[in-house]
Protein backbone atom coordinates (compact mmCIF):
# COMPACT_ATOMS: atom_id res chain seq x y z
CA MET A 1 -1.06 -30.01 -71.94
CA GLU A 2 -1.43 -33.72 -72.67
CA ALA A 3 -3.74 -35.70 -70.38
CA THR A 4 -0.86 -38.02 -69.47
CA SER A 5 1.19 -35.09 -68.15
CA ARG A 6 -1.74 -33.35 -66.43
CA TYR A 7 -0.63 -34.87 -63.15
CA ASN A 8 3.07 -35.23 -63.83
CA TYR A 9 4.05 -32.64 -61.29
CA TYR A 10 7.74 -32.97 -62.13
CA GLU A 11 7.06 -31.88 -65.71
CA ILE A 12 4.90 -29.01 -64.51
CA LEU A 13 7.74 -27.67 -62.36
CA GLU A 14 10.37 -28.70 -64.93
CA LEU A 15 12.16 -30.97 -62.47
CA THR A 16 13.73 -34.39 -62.68
CA ALA A 17 12.20 -37.10 -60.46
CA ASN A 18 15.37 -37.25 -58.36
CA ALA A 19 15.59 -33.50 -57.77
CA PRO A 20 16.57 -32.65 -54.16
CA GLN A 21 13.94 -31.05 -51.98
CA HIS A 22 15.43 -27.54 -52.00
CA GLU A 23 15.20 -27.47 -55.82
CA VAL A 24 11.44 -28.02 -55.62
CA THR A 25 10.93 -24.64 -53.94
CA THR A 26 13.24 -22.91 -56.43
CA ALA A 27 11.39 -24.49 -59.36
CA TYR A 28 8.02 -23.51 -57.86
CA GLU A 29 9.05 -19.88 -57.42
CA ARG A 30 10.41 -19.80 -60.97
CA ALA A 31 7.21 -21.28 -62.40
CA ARG A 32 5.05 -18.86 -60.42
CA ALA A 33 7.03 -15.90 -61.75
CA THR A 34 6.89 -17.22 -65.31
CA TYR A 35 3.16 -17.90 -65.43
CA SER A 36 1.97 -15.11 -63.18
CA GLY A 37 -0.43 -12.55 -64.59
CA GLU A 38 2.20 -9.98 -63.64
CA ASN A 39 4.32 -11.30 -66.51
CA PRO A 40 2.70 -9.75 -69.63
CA ALA A 41 4.66 -12.07 -71.94
CA ILE A 42 2.58 -15.02 -70.74
CA TYR A 43 -0.50 -13.76 -72.61
CA THR A 44 1.35 -13.97 -75.94
CA ILE A 45 1.43 -17.75 -75.40
CA PHE A 46 -1.66 -18.56 -73.31
CA SER A 47 -5.10 -17.09 -72.81
CA GLU A 48 -5.91 -15.64 -69.40
CA GLN A 49 -7.96 -18.75 -68.53
CA GLU A 50 -5.14 -21.09 -69.61
CA ALA A 51 -2.65 -19.10 -67.53
CA ARG A 52 -4.92 -19.39 -64.47
CA GLN A 53 -5.22 -23.14 -65.03
CA LEU A 54 -1.45 -23.44 -65.22
CA LEU A 55 -1.08 -21.58 -61.94
CA VAL A 56 -3.52 -24.01 -60.31
CA LEU A 57 -1.41 -26.93 -61.57
CA ILE A 58 1.76 -25.26 -60.31
CA GLU A 59 0.25 -24.83 -56.84
CA GLU A 60 -0.92 -28.47 -56.82
CA ALA A 61 2.52 -29.64 -57.92
CA TYR A 62 4.21 -27.72 -55.14
CA GLN A 63 1.76 -28.86 -52.50
CA VAL A 64 2.65 -32.48 -53.38
CA LEU A 65 6.35 -32.28 -54.23
CA GLY A 66 7.07 -29.67 -51.56
CA ASN A 67 5.88 -32.06 -48.84
CA LYS A 68 8.18 -35.03 -48.20
CA ILE A 69 5.40 -37.42 -47.22
CA LEU A 70 3.07 -36.50 -50.08
CA ARG A 71 6.00 -36.63 -52.52
CA ASN A 72 6.92 -40.12 -51.36
CA ILE A 73 3.36 -41.37 -51.93
CA TYR A 74 3.24 -39.65 -55.31
CA ASP A 75 6.61 -41.08 -56.37
CA GLN A 76 5.54 -44.61 -55.49
CA ARG A 77 2.43 -44.25 -57.62
CA LEU A 78 4.06 -42.41 -60.53
CA LEU A 79 7.11 -44.67 -60.82
CA SER A 80 5.11 -47.89 -60.48
CA GLY A 81 3.63 -47.25 -63.92
CA ARG A 82 0.45 -48.98 -62.80
CA SER A 83 -1.42 -46.00 -61.37
CA SER A 84 -4.31 -44.34 -63.19
CA LEU A 85 -4.54 -40.57 -63.64
CA ASN A 86 -7.05 -40.48 -60.77
CA ASP A 87 -4.43 -42.06 -58.50
CA LEU A 88 -2.10 -39.14 -59.23
CA THR A 89 -4.46 -36.27 -58.42
CA TYR A 90 -3.73 -34.01 -55.48
CA GLU A 91 -6.95 -35.11 -53.76
CA SER A 92 -6.01 -38.78 -54.16
CA ILE A 93 -2.49 -38.24 -52.81
CA LEU A 94 -3.83 -36.26 -49.84
CA GLU A 95 -6.37 -38.99 -49.10
CA ALA A 96 -3.59 -41.60 -49.19
CA SER A 97 -1.61 -39.55 -46.66
CA LYS A 98 -4.50 -39.95 -44.23
CA GLN A 99 -3.89 -43.70 -44.37
CA VAL A 100 -0.24 -43.13 -43.47
CA PHE A 101 -1.21 -40.72 -40.71
CA PRO A 102 -4.82 -41.65 -39.92
CA GLU A 103 -6.84 -38.97 -38.23
CA PRO A 104 -7.48 -40.23 -34.72
CA LYS A 105 -10.94 -41.20 -33.66
CA VAL A 106 -11.36 -38.97 -30.67
CA GLU A 107 -14.27 -38.15 -28.47
CA LYS A 108 -16.34 -35.11 -29.40
CA PRO A 109 -15.01 -32.02 -27.65
CA ALA A 110 -17.06 -30.36 -24.98
CA ALA A 111 -19.60 -27.89 -26.31
CA ALA A 112 -18.27 -25.20 -23.99
CA TYR A 113 -15.13 -24.48 -22.05
CA LYS A 114 -14.58 -22.90 -18.68
CA LYS A 115 -13.30 -19.38 -19.14
CA ASP A 116 -10.08 -18.37 -17.43
CA GLU A 117 -10.17 -14.58 -17.19
CA ALA A 118 -6.40 -14.28 -16.79
CA PHE A 119 -5.76 -16.37 -19.87
CA GLU A 120 -8.45 -14.52 -21.81
CA LYS A 121 -6.59 -11.27 -21.05
CA GLU A 122 -3.31 -12.86 -22.13
CA ILE A 123 -4.89 -13.91 -25.44
CA ALA A 124 -6.36 -10.44 -26.01
CA SER A 125 -3.04 -8.68 -25.36
CA ARG A 126 -0.85 -11.21 -27.13
CA GLU A 127 1.25 -9.72 -29.91
CA ASN A 128 3.72 -12.54 -30.58
CA TRP A 129 1.97 -15.59 -32.04
CA ASP A 130 3.60 -18.91 -32.79
CA GLY A 131 2.48 -22.51 -33.18
CA ALA A 132 2.94 -23.37 -29.54
CA PHE A 133 0.61 -20.60 -28.38
CA LEU A 134 -2.00 -21.49 -31.02
CA LYS A 135 -1.93 -25.02 -29.66
CA LYS A 136 -2.28 -23.68 -26.11
CA VAL A 137 -5.38 -21.70 -27.13
CA ARG A 138 -6.86 -24.70 -28.96
CA GLU A 139 -6.41 -26.94 -25.94
CA TYR A 140 -7.76 -24.24 -23.62
CA LYS A 141 -10.90 -24.09 -25.75
CA GLN A 142 -11.12 -27.88 -25.61
CA LEU A 143 -10.85 -28.41 -29.35
CA SER A 144 -9.08 -31.52 -30.62
CA THR A 145 -7.03 -31.31 -33.81
CA GLN A 146 -9.69 -33.49 -35.43
CA ARG A 147 -12.49 -31.11 -34.45
CA LEU A 148 -10.48 -28.08 -35.60
CA SER A 149 -9.90 -29.91 -38.88
CA GLU A 150 -13.65 -30.45 -39.27
CA ILE A 151 -14.35 -26.76 -38.64
CA THR A 152 -11.62 -25.36 -40.89
CA LYS A 153 -11.61 -28.13 -43.55
CA ILE A 154 -7.83 -28.29 -43.09
CA ASN A 155 -6.34 -31.78 -42.85
CA SER A 156 -5.51 -32.45 -39.18
CA TYR A 157 -2.01 -33.42 -40.36
CA TYR A 158 -1.51 -29.79 -41.43
CA VAL A 159 -3.11 -28.44 -38.26
CA THR A 160 -0.45 -30.30 -36.28
CA ALA A 161 2.30 -29.12 -38.64
CA VAL A 162 1.14 -25.50 -38.17
CA GLU A 163 1.28 -25.90 -34.40
CA ASN A 164 4.74 -27.48 -34.65
CA MET A 165 5.86 -24.79 -37.13
CA ASP A 166 7.22 -27.60 -39.27
CA PRO A 167 8.03 -26.19 -42.76
CA ALA A 168 9.14 -29.59 -44.07
CA ASN A 169 5.58 -30.88 -43.79
CA LEU A 170 3.73 -27.76 -44.89
CA PRO A 171 3.01 -26.49 -48.42
CA ALA A 172 3.91 -23.10 -49.91
CA VAL A 173 4.01 -20.09 -47.58
CA VAL A 174 0.85 -18.61 -49.12
CA PHE A 175 -1.05 -21.75 -48.10
CA VAL A 176 0.43 -21.71 -44.59
CA ARG A 177 -0.86 -18.18 -44.07
CA GLY A 178 -4.30 -19.29 -45.27
CA TYR A 179 -4.27 -22.18 -42.80
CA VAL A 180 -3.31 -19.87 -39.92
CA VAL A 181 -6.09 -17.42 -40.84
CA GLN A 182 -8.69 -20.21 -40.83
CA ILE A 183 -7.40 -21.67 -37.56
CA ALA A 184 -7.39 -18.24 -35.90
CA LYS A 185 -10.97 -17.59 -37.02
CA ALA A 186 -12.08 -20.98 -35.68
CA LEU A 187 -10.49 -20.13 -32.33
CA GLY A 188 -12.22 -16.75 -32.20
CA LEU A 189 -8.98 -14.80 -32.59
CA ASP A 190 -7.99 -11.69 -34.54
CA ASP A 191 -6.98 -13.61 -37.66
CA LYS A 192 -4.97 -10.80 -39.29
CA LYS A 193 -2.94 -10.04 -36.16
CA VAL A 194 -2.33 -13.73 -35.52
CA ALA A 195 -1.38 -14.52 -39.13
CA ASP A 196 0.95 -11.51 -39.45
CA SER A 197 2.81 -12.42 -36.27
CA TYR A 198 2.86 -16.17 -36.96
CA MET A 199 4.21 -15.74 -40.50
CA LYS A 200 6.94 -13.40 -39.28
CA ASN A 201 8.06 -16.10 -36.86
CA PHE A 202 7.58 -18.86 -39.43
CA LYS A 203 9.67 -17.14 -42.10
CA GLY A 204 12.37 -16.47 -39.51
CA LEU A 205 12.88 -20.18 -38.82
CA GLY A 206 16.40 -21.32 -39.50
CA LYS A 207 17.78 -17.80 -39.89
């Protein structure tokens, strides 16, 4: 892959720059299937290492183009013709999004929280997990989105999107599950139970 196209995410997903949002997901799923290790034909063209590198690029491309805000920032930089390759990296685009939605400067959360035995029992017995209840637990444990972001290393923008169950502003489903697992662990929850339930609700949105 040429250096100039290393960060042309449209080329990576074989899309035109004006492709509608729903085509981004279709192109991502097609690219994943094509370059997956489960497709033996891929190794007649690329080495195993090259195939893995391509999958990384495909995931980066979807994380940017699959998110309306990140895509808008990326488009402005790509189409201006004045941006360097460094300006087009996923890390650079994500950093720019923080300027659009700056992470609030909030006071440090309390080191401890007052336990509510009734709510603790509700948490322990909870089977149906969604964004609203994750937010309720976070607030109960006196953790700001910024502090949770620091603990999990997940951008606070995505923490909020997970709590709002907002697919338009979240990356691929596999990443969403990873975010939920990390958030659940940070909140001292059963991460597998929480993630399984959350993803069932998340995938059912709009049905």
